[in-house]
């Protein structure tokens, strides 16, 4: 994440700040996911099915767009 921003001409201090902020939000998301996932295996299954559906949508849309 940092290399494209740095190569794009962004200041080093701003790149470091944005990378740290991204890391913090990732940690918070992992913590919340662990709490929600600890509720039951059914909740984990539902969350994983939504994630899989989103990835299938993104990939199939790209494949279809390239075929045109």
Protein backbone atom coordinates (compact mmCIF):
# COMPACT_ATOMS: atom_id res chain seq x y z
CA UNK A 1 0.00 0.00 0.00
CA UNK A 2 2.81 2.39 0.82
CA UNK A 3 4.87 1.93 -2.34
CA UNK A 4 2.24 3.16 -4.83
CA UNK A 5 1.48 6.18 -2.65
CA UNK A 6 5.17 7.02 -2.31
CA UNK A 7 5.74 6.53 -6.05
CA UNK A 8 2.74 8.78 -6.69
CA UNK A 9 4.53 11.68 -5.02
CA UNK A 10 2.91 11.65 -1.59
CA UNK A 11 4.96 12.88 1.36
CA UNK A 12 6.68 10.20 3.42
CA UNK A 13 5.02 11.37 6.64
CA UNK A 14 1.54 11.18 5.10
CA UNK A 15 2.26 7.70 3.71
CA UNK A 16 3.34 6.47 7.14
CA UNK A 17 0.26 8.01 8.77
CA UNK A 18 -2.12 6.39 6.28
CA UNK A 19 -0.43 2.99 6.59
CA UNK A 20 -0.70 3.14 10.38
CA UNK A 21 -4.37 4.18 10.20
CA UNK A 22 -5.05 1.29 7.82
CA UNK A 23 -3.36 -1.12 10.21
CA UNK A 24 -5.39 0.14 13.15
CA UNK A 25 -8.70 -0.31 11.34
CA UNK A 26 -7.64 -3.81 10.25
CA UNK A 27 -6.90 -4.71 13.87
CA UNK A 28 -10.24 -3.34 15.04
CA UNK A 29 -12.03 -5.29 12.30
CA UNK A 30 -10.26 -8.50 13.30
CA UNK A 31 -11.22 -7.94 16.95
CA UNK A 32 -14.87 -7.31 16.10
CA UNK A 33 -14.87 -10.33 13.77
CA UNK A 34 -13.48 -12.53 16.53
CA UNK A 35 -16.20 -11.37 18.91
CA UNK A 36 -18.99 -11.88 16.38
CA UNK A 37 -17.53 -15.19 15.24
CA UNK A 38 -17.40 -16.40 18.83
CA UNK A 39 -21.17 -16.19 19.12
CA UNK A 40 -21.82 -19.40 17.20
CA UNK A 41 -20.70 -21.44 14.23
CA UNK A 42 -23.87 -20.40 12.40
CA UNK A 43 -22.80 -16.75 12.50
CA UNK A 44 -19.40 -17.68 11.08
CA UNK A 45 -21.07 -19.61 8.26
CA UNK A 46 -23.33 -16.67 7.39
CA UNK A 47 -20.44 -14.19 7.40
CA UNK A 48 -18.29 -16.47 5.23
CA UNK A 49 -21.15 -17.01 2.78
CA UNK A 50 -21.61 -13.25 2.36
CA UNK A 51 -17.87 -12.82 1.80
CA UNK A 52 -17.82 -15.63 -0.77
CA UNK A 53 -20.82 -14.19 -2.57
CA UNK A 54 -19.20 -10.77 -2.75
CA UNK A 55 -15.99 -12.23 -4.19
CA UNK A 56 -17.93 -14.29 -6.75
CA UNK A 57 -19.80 -11.17 -7.84
CA UNK A 58 -16.62 -9.14 -8.25
CA UNK A 59 -14.73 -11.85 -10.13
CA UNK A 60 -17.62 -12.81 -12.43
CA UNK A 61 -18.27 -9.18 -13.28
CA UNK A 62 -14.62 -8.72 -14.27
CA UNK A 63 -14.60 -11.90 -16.35
CA UNK A 64 -17.80 -10.91 -18.15
CA UNK A 65 -16.51 -7.38 -18.79
CA UNK A 66 -13.31 -8.73 -20.37
CA UNK A 67 -15.29 -10.95 -22.72
CA UNK A 68 -17.07 -8.01 -24.36
